[in-house]
Amino acid sequence: MDAMMELKLTLDFACCGCEENVVVTVECRGEMLRDRELPAVRVPCPTCGAINQLSFETNGTVRSVRPAVCYRPLPEPSVN
């Protein structure tokens, strides 16, 4: 049986909201890291608060940064 793959990476990217430089350390583990699909993580910007969706390679190379999509609908105000 193969051992579970574990990674600790430092990712450096420009925020998709304010373009400030952001550095974050992520820890990943699991069998999915061996798949061909790129791992992804959501990272809030400490400057503007925008949520960035990062896709990256297991060597730490950031492949894409885009605004994260919120799937929860926002509540509508009451008319009362």
Protein backbone atom coordinates (compact mmCIF):
# COMPACT_ATOMS: atom_id res chain seq x y z
CA MET A 1 0.00 0.00 0.00
CA ASP A 2 1.31 3.46 -0.95
CA ALA A 3 1.86 6.05 1.76
CA MET A 4 -0.40 9.10 1.69
CA MET A 5 1.25 12.04 -0.07
CA GLU A 6 1.84 15.15 2.07
CA LEU A 7 2.98 18.60 0.98
CA LYS A 8 3.81 21.85 2.71
CA LEU A 9 4.17 24.65 0.17
CA THR A 10 4.61 28.41 0.22
CA LEU A 11 2.57 30.05 -2.54
CA ASP A 12 3.25 33.60 -3.72
CA PHE A 13 0.67 35.40 -5.88
CA ALA A 14 -0.95 38.76 -6.68
CA CYS A 15 -4.46 39.23 -5.29
CA CYS A 16 -7.15 39.24 -7.97
CA GLY A 17 -8.89 42.13 -6.18
CA CYS A 18 -6.20 44.66 -5.28
CA GLU A 19 -3.11 43.13 -6.97
CA GLU A 20 -1.13 43.25 -3.70
CA ASN A 21 1.43 40.48 -3.21
CA VAL A 22 0.18 37.67 -0.95
CA VAL A 23 2.27 34.84 0.48
CA VAL A 24 0.56 31.86 2.08
CA THR A 25 1.76 28.48 3.36
CA VAL A 26 -0.55 25.53 2.69
CA GLU A 27 -0.42 21.96 3.94
CA CYS A 28 -2.01 19.32 1.74
CA ARG A 29 -2.30 15.57 2.08
CA GLY A 30 -4.16 12.77 0.40
CA GLU A 31 -4.16 10.42 -2.51
CA MET A 32 -5.75 13.07 -4.75
CA LEU A 33 -2.38 14.89 -4.90
CA ARG A 34 -1.13 12.18 -7.24
CA ASP A 35 -3.94 12.83 -9.75
CA ARG A 36 -3.41 14.95 -12.81
CA GLU A 37 -5.88 17.61 -11.68
CA LEU A 38 -4.23 20.61 -10.04
CA PRO A 39 -4.84 21.13 -6.32
CA ALA A 40 -6.78 24.29 -5.48
CA VAL A 41 -7.33 26.40 -2.39
CA ARG A 42 -9.27 29.55 -1.48
CA VAL A 43 -7.20 32.28 0.16
CA PRO A 44 -8.54 35.57 1.52
CA CYS A 45 -6.41 38.66 0.82
CA PRO A 46 -5.20 40.27 4.06
CA THR A 47 -5.29 43.70 2.38
CA CYS A 48 -8.70 43.90 0.67
CA GLY A 49 -10.50 40.75 1.87
CA ALA A 50 -11.12 39.37 -1.64
CA ILE A 51 -11.26 35.56 -1.78
CA ASN A 52 -8.75 34.20 -4.32
CA GLN A 53 -9.11 30.75 -5.88
CA LEU A 54 -5.59 29.39 -6.49
CA SER A 55 -4.72 26.38 -8.62
CA PHE A 56 -1.17 25.16 -8.15
CA GLU A 57 1.21 22.35 -8.95
CA THR A 58 2.64 20.05 -6.30
CA ASN A 59 6.03 21.77 -6.74
CA GLY A 60 4.55 25.11 -5.57
CA THR A 61 4.07 26.77 -8.96
CA VAL A 62 0.86 28.84 -8.97
CA ARG A 63 -0.98 28.17 -12.24
CA SER A 64 -4.02 30.42 -11.86
CA VAL A 65 -5.50 33.02 -9.54
CA ARG A 66 -9.11 34.07 -9.96
CA PRO A 67 -11.93 35.41 -7.80
CA ALA A 68 -13.60 32.60 -5.86
CA VAL A 69 -17.23 31.95 -6.75
CA CYS A 70 -19.68 32.07 -3.86
CA TYR A 71 -22.33 29.37 -4.32
CA ARG A 72 -24.48 30.47 -1.39
CA PRO A 73 -27.24 32.88 -2.37
CA LEU A 74 -27.23 36.18 -0.55
CA PRO A 75 -30.31 36.76 1.61
CA GLU A 76 -32.78 39.29 0.29
CA PRO A 77 -33.97 42.08 2.60
CA SER A 78 -37.46 41.74 4.00
CA VAL A 79 -40.15 44.13 2.75
CA ASN A 80 -41.74 44.32 6.23
